[in-house]
Amino acid sequence: MATPYTSTQYRLRASAPMPFGKDVKNFVWHTFKAEVNDIDIYDCYTDNLPGSEEFRGQGGEKAYMSAQFTRVGVAGTEVFTGRIVYSPTYIEENELGFNY
């Protein structure tokens, strides 16, 4: 595979907003940890796609959560660009700067 650059994706895990009090303009939002995913992004062309055995649930050491690649139309070649998302880790939401 070509050399990717790595990015990180953060997602706050939360319930749907729920009204509280007598005024329907007030809502509370229950959060429960934050999800952090590392993402390998292949902007340059690669000709080596990840195999099924590398994904979470398939016994893979790397525990990929998902992968998305698009074939690039370069005549006479099979090259792709795309991204691989690793399984998440969970952290407390205040580690991301959410103060409550």
PDB file of N, CA and C in Angstrom:
ATOM      1  N   MET A   1       0.831  -1.187   0.000  1.00  0.00           N
ATOM      2  CA  MET A   1       0.000   0.000   0.000  1.00  0.00           C
ATOM      3  C   MET A   1       0.873   1.247   0.000  1.00  0.00           C
ATOM      4  N   ALA A   2       0.364   2.293  -0.582  1.00  0.00           N
ATOM      5  CA  ALA A   2       1.042   3.584  -0.547  1.00  0.00           C
ATOM      6  C   ALA A   2       1.055   4.098   0.892  1.00  0.00           C
ATOM      7  N   THR A   3       1.867   5.077   1.143  1.00  0.00           N
ATOM      8  CA  THR A   3       1.946   5.636   2.490  1.00  0.00           C
ATOM      9  C   THR A   3       0.773   6.590   2.731  1.00  0.00           C
ATOM     10  N   PRO A   4      -0.049   6.302   3.737  1.00  0.00           N
ATOM     11  CA  PRO A   4      -1.196   7.171   4.015  1.00  0.00           C
ATOM     12  C   PRO A   4      -0.810   8.283   4.980  1.00  0.00           C
ATOM     13  N   TYR A   5      -1.658   9.266   5.116  1.00  0.00           N
ATOM     14  CA  TYR A   5      -1.527  10.159   6.248  1.00  0.00           C
ATOM     15  C   TYR A   5      -2.672   9.831   7.185  1.00  0.00           C
ATOM     16  N   THR A   6      -2.447  10.058   8.472  1.00  0.00           N
ATOM     17  CA  THR A   6      -3.410   9.642   9.486  1.00  0.00           C
ATOM     18  C   THR A   6      -4.123  10.854  10.063  1.00  0.00           C
ATOM     19  N   SER A   7      -5.412  10.709  10.217  1.00  0.00           N
ATOM     20  CA  SER A   7      -6.252  11.738  10.809  1.00  0.00           C
ATOM     21  C   SER A   7      -7.020  11.101  11.964  1.00  0.00           C
ATOM     22  N   THR A   8      -7.701  11.911  12.744  1.00  0.00           N
ATOM     23  CA  THR A   8      -8.495  11.405  13.856  1.00  0.00           C
ATOM     24  C   THR A   8      -9.889  11.996  13.773  1.00  0.00           C
ATOM     25  N   GLN A   9     -10.871  11.155  14.027  1.00  0.00           N
ATOM     26  CA  GLN A   9     -12.274  11.577  14.009  1.00  0.00           C
ATOM     27  C   GLN A   9     -12.828  11.436  15.419  1.00  0.00           C
ATOM     28  N   TYR A  10     -13.557  12.457  15.883  1.00  0.00           N
ATOM     29  CA  TYR A  10     -14.145  12.452  17.221  1.00  0.00           C
ATOM     30  C   TYR A  10     -15.666  12.519  17.089  1.00  0.00           C
ATOM     31  N   ARG A  11     -16.356  11.757  17.927  1.00  0.00           N
ATOM     32  CA  ARG A  11     -17.810  11.784  17.906  1.00  0.00           C
ATOM     33  C   ARG A  11     -18.322  11.720  19.332  1.00  0.00           C
ATOM     34  N   LEU A  12     -19.140  12.683  19.687  1.00  0.00           N
ATOM     35  CA  LEU A  12     -19.758  12.698  21.006  1.00  0.00           C
ATOM     36  C   LEU A  12     -20.948  11.756  20.987  1.00  0.00           C
ATOM     37  N   ARG A  13     -20.964  10.811  21.878  1.00  0.00           N
ATOM     38  CA  ARG A  13     -22.076   9.858  21.957  1.00  0.00           C
ATOM     39  C   ARG A  13     -23.119  10.455  22.890  1.00  0.00           C
ATOM     40  N   ALA A  14     -24.349  10.552  22.421  1.00  0.00           N
ATOM     41  CA  ALA A  14     -25.382  11.216  23.207  1.00  0.00           C
ATOM     42  C   ALA A  14     -26.768  10.687  22.876  1.00  0.00           C
ATOM     43  N   SER A  15     -27.669  10.934  23.807  1.00  0.00           N
ATOM     44  CA  SER A  15     -29.071  10.610  23.586  1.00  0.00           C
ATOM     45  C   SER A  15     -29.720  11.741  22.807  1.00  0.00           C
ATOM     46  N   ALA A  16     -30.959  11.570  22.473  1.00  0.00           N
ATOM     47  CA  ALA A  16     -31.717  12.652  21.845  1.00  0.00           C
ATOM     48  C   ALA A  16     -32.021  13.711  22.908  1.00  0.00           C
ATOM     49  N   PRO A  17     -32.080  14.983  22.530  1.00  0.00           N
ATOM     50  CA  PRO A  17     -32.427  16.032  23.502  1.00  0.00           C
ATOM     51  C   PRO A  17     -33.809  15.761  24.104  1.00  0.00           C
ATOM     52  N   MET A  18     -33.915  15.938  25.416  1.00  0.00           N
ATOM     53  CA  MET A  18     -35.185  15.693  26.096  1.00  0.00           C
ATOM     54  C   MET A  18     -35.617  16.964  26.814  1.00  0.00           C
ATOM     55  N   PRO A  19     -36.888  17.366  26.675  1.00  0.00           N
ATOM     56  CA  PRO A  19     -37.355  18.569  27.355  1.00  0.00           C
ATOM     57  C   PRO A  19     -37.401  18.351  28.862  1.00  0.00           C
ATOM     58  N   PHE A  20     -37.149  19.428  29.605  1.00  0.00           N
ATOM     59  CA  PHE A  20     -37.291  19.342  31.053  1.00  0.00           C
ATOM     60  C   PHE A  20     -37.864  20.656  31.570  1.00  0.00           C
ATOM     61  N   GLY A  21     -38.478  20.585  32.742  1.00  0.00           N
ATOM     62  CA  GLY A  21     -39.087  21.769  33.342  1.00  0.00           C
ATOM     63  C   GLY A  21     -40.411  22.102  32.681  1.00  0.00           C
ATOM     64  N   LYS A  22     -40.999  23.205  33.120  1.00  0.00           N
ATOM     65  CA  LYS A  22     -42.298  23.626  32.602  1.00  0.00           C
ATOM     66  C   LYS A  22     -42.185  24.339  31.272  1.00  0.00           C
ATOM     67  N   ASP A  23     -41.036  24.893  30.991  1.00  0.00           N
ATOM     68  CA  ASP A  23     -40.832  25.630  29.747  1.00  0.00           C
ATOM     69  C   ASP A  23     -40.297  24.667  28.686  1.00  0.00           C
ATOM     70  N   VAL A  24     -41.022  24.493  27.586  1.00  0.00           N
ATOM     71  CA  VAL A  24     -40.605  23.539  26.555  1.00  0.00           C
ATOM     72  C   VAL A  24     -39.392  24.027  25.766  1.00  0.00           C
ATOM     73  N   LYS A  25     -38.841  25.164  26.139  1.00  0.00           N
ATOM     74  CA  LYS A  25     -37.644  25.670  25.472  1.00  0.00           C
ATOM     75  C   LYS A  25     -36.372  25.123  26.117  1.00  0.00           C
ATOM     76  N   ASN A  26     -36.511  24.445  27.245  1.00  0.00           N
ATOM     77  CA  ASN A  26     -35.349  23.904  27.953  1.00  0.00           C
ATOM     78  C   ASN A  26     -35.199  22.418  27.645  1.00  0.00           C
ATOM     79  N   PHE A  27     -33.999  22.038  27.265  1.00  0.00           N
ATOM     80  CA  PHE A  27     -33.717  20.645  26.951  1.00  0.00           C
ATOM     81  C   PHE A  27     -32.461  20.189  27.668  1.00  0.00           C
ATOM     82  N   VAL A  28     -32.381  18.903  27.950  1.00  0.00           N
ATOM     83  CA  VAL A  28     -31.174  18.307  28.504  1.00  0.00           C
ATOM     84  C   VAL A  28     -30.707  17.256  27.508  1.00  0.00           C
ATOM     85  N   TRP A  29     -29.396  17.138  27.407  1.00  0.00           N
ATOM     86  CA  TRP A  29     -28.782  16.234  26.457  1.00  0.00           C
ATOM     87  C   TRP A  29     -27.857  15.308  27.235  1.00  0.00           C
ATOM     88  N   HIS A  30     -28.199  14.050  27.364  1.00  0.00           N
ATOM     89  CA  HIS A  30     -27.387  13.095  28.120  1.00  0.00           C
ATOM     90  C   HIS A  30     -26.271  12.565  27.227  1.00  0.00           C
ATOM     91  N   THR A  31     -25.041  12.754  27.676  1.00  0.00           N
ATOM     92  CA  THR A  31     -23.906  12.240  26.911  1.00  0.00           C
ATOM     93  C   THR A  31     -23.296  11.054  27.645  1.00  0.00           C
ATOM     94  N   PHE A  32     -22.679  10.185  26.898  1.00  0.00           N
ATOM     95  CA  PHE A  32     -22.007   9.033  27.493  1.00  0.00           C
ATOM     96  C   PHE A  32     -20.755   8.714  26.683  1.00  0.00           C
ATOM     97  N   LYS A  33     -19.698   9.320  27.118  1.00  0.00           N
ATOM     98  CA  LYS A  33     -18.367   9.154  26.532  1.00  0.00           C
ATOM     99  C   LYS A  33     -18.274   9.703  25.110  1.00  0.00           C
ATOM    100  N   ALA A  34     -17.062   9.731  24.602  1.00  0.00           N
ATOM    101  CA  ALA A  34     -16.797  10.166  23.237  1.00  0.00           C
ATOM    102  C   ALA A  34     -16.057   9.035  22.530  1.00  0.00           C
ATOM    103  N   GLU A  35     -16.276   8.947  21.234  1.00  0.00           N
ATOM    104  CA  GLU A  35     -15.671   7.908  20.404  1.00  0.00           C
ATOM    105  C   GLU A  35     -14.542   8.538  19.593  1.00  0.00           C
ATOM    106  N   VAL A  36     -13.382   7.911  19.594  1.00  0.00           N
ATOM    107  CA  VAL A  36     -12.232   8.412  18.848  1.00  0.00           C
ATOM    108  C   VAL A  36     -11.787   7.340  17.859  1.00  0.00           C
ATOM    109  N   ASN A  37     -11.723   7.717  16.578  1.00  0.00           N
ATOM    110  CA  ASN A  37     -11.280   6.788  15.532  1.00  0.00           C
ATOM    111  C   ASN A  37     -10.061   7.367  14.826  1.00  0.00           C
ATOM    112  N   ASP A  38      -9.046   6.542  14.614  1.00  0.00           N
ATOM    113  CA  ASP A  38      -7.946   6.918  13.726  1.00  0.00           C
ATOM    114  C   ASP A  38      -8.354   6.529  12.314  1.00  0.00           C
ATOM    115  N   ILE A  39      -7.959   7.361  11.353  1.00  0.00           N
ATOM    116  CA  ILE A  39      -8.315   7.125   9.958  1.00  0.00           C
ATOM    117  C   ILE A  39      -7.052   7.238   9.111  1.00  0.00           C
ATOM    118  N   ASP A  40      -6.774   6.234   8.306  1.00  0.00           N
ATOM    119  CA  ASP A  40      -5.694   6.297   7.326  1.00  0.00           C
ATOM    120  C   ASP A  40      -6.288   6.763   6.009  1.00  0.00           C
ATOM    121  N   ILE A  41      -5.758   7.840   5.461  1.00  0.00           N
ATOM    122  CA  ILE A  41      -6.278   8.408   4.216  1.00  0.00           C
ATOM    123  C   ILE A  41      -5.237   8.226   3.127  1.00  0.00           C
ATOM    124  N   TYR A  42      -5.647   7.582   2.048  1.00  0.00           N
ATOM    125  CA  TYR A  42      -4.768   7.314   0.912  1.00  0.00           C
ATOM    126  C   TYR A  42      -5.147   8.264  -0.219  1.00  0.00           C
ATOM    127  N   ASP A  43      -4.483   9.426  -0.268  1.00  0.00           N
ATOM    128  CA  ASP A  43      -4.715  10.390  -1.350  1.00  0.00           C
ATOM    129  C   ASP A  43      -3.970   9.986  -2.607  1.00  0.00           C
ATOM    130  N   CYS A  44      -2.787   9.429  -2.400  1.00  0.00           N
ATOM    131  CA  CYS A  44      -2.004   8.949  -3.542  1.00  0.00           C
ATOM    132  C   CYS A  44      -2.538   7.580  -3.931  1.00  0.00           C
ATOM    133  N   TYR A  45      -2.193   7.142  -5.077  1.00  0.00           N
ATOM    134  CA  TYR A  45      -2.710   5.873  -5.577  1.00  0.00           C
ATOM    135  C   TYR A  45      -2.105   4.688  -4.839  1.00  0.00           C
ATOM    136  N   THR A  46      -2.954   3.711  -4.567  1.00  0.00           N
ATOM    137  CA  THR A  46      -2.504   2.452  -3.989  1.00  0.00           C
ATOM    138  C   THR A  46      -3.078   1.314  -4.832  1.00  0.00           C
ATOM    139  N   ASP A  47      -2.363   0.216  -4.872  1.00  0.00           N
ATOM    140  CA  ASP A  47      -2.867  -0.939  -5.612  1.00  0.00           C
ATOM    141  C   ASP A  47      -3.103  -2.129  -4.695  1.00  0.00           C
ATOM    142  N   ASN A  48      -3.033  -1.893  -3.385  1.00  0.00           N
ATOM    143  CA  ASN A  48      -3.161  -2.961  -2.412  1.00  0.00           C
ATOM    144  C   ASN A  48      -4.296  -2.627  -1.445  1.00  0.00           C
ATOM    145  N   LEU A  49      -5.419  -3.306  -1.576  1.00  0.00           N
ATOM    146  CA  LEU A  49      -6.565  -3.063  -0.711  1.00  0.00           C
ATOM    147  C   LEU A  49      -6.534  -3.992   0.500  1.00  0.00           C
ATOM    148  N   PRO A  50      -7.135  -3.568   1.632  1.00  0.00           N
ATOM    149  CA  PRO A  50      -7.145  -4.438   2.814  1.00  0.00           C
ATOM    150  C   PRO A  50      -8.022  -5.667   2.582  1.00  0.00           C
ATOM    151  N   GLY A  51      -7.636  -6.772   3.190  1.00  0.00           N
ATOM    152  CA  GLY A  51      -8.401  -8.008   3.064  1.00  0.00           C
ATOM    153  C   GLY A  51      -9.450  -8.130   4.153  1.00  0.00           C
ATOM    154  N   SER A  52     -10.427  -8.973   3.932  1.00  0.00           N
ATOM    155  CA  SER A  52     -11.519  -9.176   4.894  1.00  0.00           C
ATOM    156  C   SER A  52     -11.010  -9.597   6.264  1.00  0.00           C
ATOM    157  N   GLU A  53      -9.944 -10.367   6.287  1.00  0.00           N
ATOM    158  CA  GLU A  53      -9.413 -10.884   7.550  1.00  0.00           C
ATOM    159  C   GLU A  53      -8.822  -9.788   8.440  1.00  0.00           C
ATOM    160  N   GLU A  54      -8.641  -8.587   7.932  1.00  0.00           N
ATOM    161  CA  GLU A  54      -8.073  -7.504   8.718  1.00  0.00           C
ATOM    162  C   GLU A  54      -9.124  -6.683   9.468  1.00  0.00           C
ATOM    163  N   PHE A  55     -10.410  -6.983   9.261  1.00  0.00           N
ATOM    164  CA  PHE A  55     -11.478  -6.189   9.852  1.00  0.00           C
ATOM    165  C   PHE A  55     -11.944  -6.741  11.182  1.00  0.00           C
ATOM    166  N   ARG A  56     -12.489  -5.834  11.998  1.00  0.00           N
ATOM    167  CA  ARG A  56     -13.060  -6.176  13.296  1.00  0.00           C
ATOM    168  C   ARG A  56     -14.132  -7.242  13.076  1.00  0.00           C
ATOM    169  N   GLY A  57     -14.144  -8.244  13.923  1.00  0.00           N
ATOM    170  CA  GLY A  57     -15.109  -9.326  13.787  1.00  0.00           C
ATOM    171  C   GLY A  57     -14.618 -10.454  12.907  1.00  0.00           C
ATOM    172  N   GLN A  58     -13.530 -10.247  12.194  1.00  0.00           N
ATOM    173  CA  GLN A  58     -12.967 -11.286  11.331  1.00  0.00           C
ATOM    174  C   GLN A  58     -11.653 -11.808  11.902  1.00  0.00           C
ATOM    175  N   GLY A  59     -11.291 -11.350  13.117  1.00  0.00           N
ATOM    176  CA  GLY A  59     -10.075 -11.822  13.761  1.00  0.00           C
ATOM    177  C   GLY A  59      -8.825 -11.070  13.344  1.00  0.00           C
ATOM    178  N   GLY A  60      -8.991  -9.943  12.708  1.00  0.00           N
ATOM    179  CA  GLY A  60      -7.841  -9.182  12.237  1.00  0.00           C
ATOM    180  C   GLY A  60      -7.075  -8.504  13.350  1.00  0.00           C
ATOM    181  N   GLU A  61      -5.764  -8.488  13.234  1.00  0.00           N
ATOM    182  CA  GLU A  61      -4.915  -7.824  14.225  1.00  0.00           C
ATOM    183  C   GLU A  61      -5.128  -6.319  14.216  1.00  0.00           C
ATOM    184  N   LYS A  62      -5.380  -5.745  13.052  1.00  0.00           N
ATOM    185  CA  LYS A  62      -5.495  -4.300  12.917  1.00  0.00           C
ATOM    186  C   LYS A  62      -6.873  -3.790  13.312  1.00  0.00           C
ATOM    187  N   ALA A  63      -7.871  -4.649  13.309  1.00  0.00           N
ATOM    188  CA  ALA A  63      -9.234  -4.312  13.722  1.00  0.00           C
ATOM    189  C   ALA A  63      -9.779  -3.081  13.008  1.00  0.00           C
ATOM    190  N   TYR A  64      -9.762  -3.132  11.698  1.00  0.00           N
ATOM    191  CA  TYR A  64     -10.381  -2.061  10.935  1.00  0.00           C
ATOM    192  C   TYR A  64     -11.890  -2.094  11.160  1.00  0.00           C
ATOM    193  N   MET A  65     -12.505  -0.920  11.230  1.00  0.00           N
ATOM    194  CA  MET A  65     -13.952  -0.839  11.365  1.00  0.00           C
ATOM    195  C   MET A  65     -14.611  -0.749   9.995  1.00  0.00           C
ATOM    196  N   SER A  66     -14.010   0.031   9.102  1.00  0.00           N
ATOM    197  CA  SER A  66     -14.547   0.151   7.753  1.00  0.00           C
ATOM    198  C   SER A  66     -13.446   0.617   6.810  1.00  0.00           C
ATOM    199  N   ALA A  67     -13.703   0.447   5.529  1.00  0.00           N
ATOM    200  CA  ALA A  67     -12.786   0.923   4.495  1.00  0.00           C
ATOM    201  C   ALA A  67     -13.615   1.321   3.280  1.00  0.00           C
ATOM    202  N   GLN A  68     -13.167   2.357   2.624  1.00  0.00           N
ATOM    203  CA  GLN A  68     -13.862   2.815   1.422  1.00  0.00           C
ATOM    204  C   GLN A  68     -12.813   3.240   0.408  1.00  0.00           C
ATOM    205  N   PHE A  69     -12.810   2.596  -0.734  1.00  0.00           N
ATOM    206  CA  PHE A  69     -11.851   2.914  -1.786  1.00  0.00           C
ATOM    207  C   PHE A  69     -12.580   3.119  -3.101  1.00  0.00           C
ATOM    208  N   THR A  70     -12.032   3.989  -3.931  1.00  0.00           N
ATOM    209  CA  THR A  70     -12.587   4.283  -5.244  1.00  0.00           C
ATOM    210  C   THR A  70     -11.514   4.030  -6.283  1.00  0.00           C
ATOM    211  N   ARG A  71     -11.884   3.301  -7.331  1.00  0.00           N
ATOM    212  CA  ARG A  71     -10.939   3.034  -8.417  1.00  0.00           C
ATOM    213  C   ARG A  71     -10.718   4.317  -9.201  1.00  0.00           C
ATOM    214  N   VAL A  72      -9.449   4.603  -9.466  1.00  0.00           N
ATOM    215  CA  VAL A  72      -9.073   5.779 -10.239  1.00  0.00           C
ATOM    216  C   VAL A  72      -8.884   5.350 -11.684  1.00  0.00           C
ATOM    217  N   GLY A  73      -9.484   6.073 -12.588  1.00  0.00           N
ATOM    218  CA  GLY A  73      -9.441   5.702 -13.999  1.00  0.00           C
ATOM    219  C   GLY A  73      -8.143   6.071 -14.691  1.00  0.00           C
ATOM    220  N   VAL A  74      -7.077   5.388 -14.366  1.00  0.00           N
ATOM    221  CA  VAL A  74      -5.795   5.582 -15.044  1.00  0.00           C
ATOM    222  C   VAL A  74      -5.635   4.405 -16.007  1.00  0.00           C
ATOM    223  N   ALA A  75      -5.500   4.696 -17.274  1.00  0.00           N
ATOM    224  CA  ALA A  75      -5.459   3.654 -18.308  1.00  0.00           C
ATOM    225  C   ALA A  75      -4.397   2.598 -18.023  1.00  0.00           C
ATOM    226  N   GLY A  76      -4.827   1.338 -18.090  1.00  0.00           N
ATOM    227  CA  GLY A  76      -3.902   0.226 -17.963  1.00  0.00           C
ATOM    228  C   GLY A  76      -3.492  -0.104 -16.539  1.00  0.00           C
ATOM    229  N   THR A  77      -4.123   0.503 -15.523  1.00  0.00           N
ATOM    230  CA  THR A  77      -3.738   0.220 -14.133  1.00  0.00           C
ATOM    231  C   THR A  77      -4.971  -0.044 -13.283  1.00  0.00           C
ATOM    232  N   GLU A  78      -4.761  -0.674 -12.158  1.00  0.00           N
ATOM    233  CA  GLU A  78      -5.782  -0.877 -11.134  1.00  0.00           C
ATOM    234  C   GLU A  78      -5.294  -0.150  -9.891  1.00  0.00           C
ATOM    235  N   VAL A  79      -5.593   1.139  -9.777  1.00  0.00           N
ATOM    236  CA  VAL A  79      -5.172   1.925  -8.621  1.00  0.00           C
ATOM    237  C   VAL A  79      -6.387   2.558  -7.960  1.00  0.00           C
ATOM    238  N   PHE A  80      -6.265   2.837  -6.661  1.00  0.00           N
ATOM    239  CA  PHE A  80      -7.377   3.298  -5.861  1.00  0.00           C
ATOM    240  C   PHE A  80      -6.952   4.432  -4.936  1.00  0.00           C
ATOM    241  N   THR A  81      -7.919   5.255  -4.529  1.00  0.00           N
ATOM    242  CA  THR A  81      -7.747   6.197  -3.426  1.00  0.00           C
ATOM    243  C   THR A  81      -8.822   5.855  -2.417  1.00  0.00           C
ATOM    244  N   GLY A  82      -8.609   6.196  -1.161  1.00  0.00           N
ATOM    245  CA  GLY A  82      -9.634   5.882  -0.179  1.00  0.00           C
ATOM    246  C   GLY A  82      -9.178   6.091   1.241  1.00  0.00           C
ATOM    247  N   ARG A  83      -9.915   5.428   2.152  1.00  0.00           N
ATOM    248  CA  ARG A  83      -9.627   5.582   3.577  1.00  0.00           C
ATOM    249  C   ARG A  83      -9.993   4.328   4.344  1.00  0.00           C
ATOM    250  N   ILE A  84      -9.284   4.119   5.445  1.00  0.00           N
ATOM    251  CA  ILE A  84      -9.538   3.009   6.353  1.00  0.00           C
ATOM    252  C   ILE A  84      -9.810   3.608   7.729  1.00  0.00           C
ATOM    253  N   VAL A  85     -10.901   3.192   8.364  1.00  0.00           N
ATOM    254  CA  VAL A  85     -11.264   3.664   9.694  1.00  0.00           C
ATOM    255  C   VAL A  85     -11.004   2.534  10.689  1.00  0.00           C
ATOM    256  N   TYR A  86     -10.228   2.838  11.723  1.00  0.00           N
ATOM    257  CA  TYR A  86      -9.904   1.847  12.758  1.00  0.00           C
ATOM    258  C   TYR A  86     -11.022   1.762  13.791  1.00  0.00           C
ATOM    259  N   SER A  87     -11.076   0.677  14.528  1.00  0.00           N
ATOM    260  CA  SER A  87     -12.051   0.524  15.607  1.00  0.00           C
ATOM    261  C   SER A  87     -11.884   1.654  16.614  1.00  0.00           C
ATOM    262  N   PRO A  88     -12.987   2.107  17.210  1.00  0.00           N
ATOM    263  CA  PRO A  88     -12.908   3.253  18.109  1.00  0.00           C
ATOM    264  C   PRO A  88     -12.352   2.905  19.479  1.00  0.00           C
ATOM    265  N   THR A  89     -11.854   3.936  20.127  1.00  0.00           N
ATOM    266  CA  THR A  89     -11.574   3.875  21.556  1.00  0.00           C
ATOM    267  C   THR A  89     -12.536   4.863  22.194  1.00  0.00           C
ATOM    268  N   TYR A  90     -12.819   4.700  23.463  1.00  0.00           N
ATOM    269  CA  TYR A  90     -13.790   5.543  24.146  1.00  0.00           C
ATOM    270  C   TYR A  90     -13.097   6.328  25.247  1.00  0.00           C
ATOM    271  N   ILE A  91     -13.390   7.624  25.295  1.00  0.00           N
ATOM    272  CA  ILE A  91     -12.804   8.502  26.304  1.00  0.00           C
ATOM    273  C   ILE A  91     -13.914   9.322  26.946  1.00  0.00           C
ATOM    274  N   GLU A  92     -13.612   9.940  28.084  1.00  0.00           N
ATOM    275  CA  GLU A  92     -14.577  10.822  28.733  1.00  0.00           C
ATOM    276  C   GLU A  92     -14.735  12.089  27.910  1.00  0.00           C
ATOM    277  N   GLU A  93     -15.955  12.597  27.822  1.00  0.00           N
ATOM    278  CA  GLU A  93     -16.198  13.750  26.974  1.00  0.00           C
ATOM    279  C   GLU A  93     -15.443  15.002  27.414  1.00  0.00           C
ATOM    280  N   ASN A  94     -15.120  15.131  28.698  1.00  0.00           N
ATOM    281  CA  ASN A  94     -14.367  16.306  29.139  1.00  0.00           C
ATOM    282  C   ASN A  94     -12.933  16.309  28.610  1.00  0.00           C
ATOM    283  N   GLU A  95     -12.420  15.183  28.145  1.00  0.00           N
ATOM    284  CA  GLU A  95     -11.100  15.151  27.529  1.00  0.00           C
ATOM    285  C   GLU A  95     -11.095  15.857  26.172  1.00  0.00           C
ATOM    286  N   LEU A  96     -12.278  16.072  25.605  1.00  0.00           N
ATOM    287  CA  LEU A  96     -12.402  16.791  24.342  1.00  0.00           C
ATOM    288  C   LEU A  96     -12.761  18.257  24.548  1.00  0.00           C
ATOM    289  N   GLY A  97     -12.845  18.679  25.798  1.00  0.00           N
ATOM    290  CA  GLY A  97     -13.140  20.077  26.096  1.00  0.00           C
ATOM    291  C   GLY A  97     -14.598  20.378  26.344  1.00  0.00           C
ATOM    292  N   PHE A  98     -15.431  19.347  26.426  1.00  0.00           N
ATOM    293  CA  PHE A  98     -16.836  19.572  26.746  1.00  0.00           C
ATOM    294  C   PHE A  98     -16.952  19.756  28.258  1.00  0.00           C
ATOM    295  N   ASN A  99     -17.379  20.919  28.669  1.00  0.00           N
ATOM    296  CA  ASN A  99     -17.541  21.206  30.101  1.00  0.00           C
ATOM    297  C   ASN A  99     -19.024  21.279  30.421  1.00  0.00           C
ATOM    298  N   TYR A 100     -19.383  20.644  31.487  1.00  0.00           N
ATOM    299  CA  TYR A 100     -20.790  20.643  31.871  1.00  0.00           C
ATOM    300  C   TYR A 100     -20.922  20.805  33.349  1.00  0.00           C
TER     301      TYR A 100
END
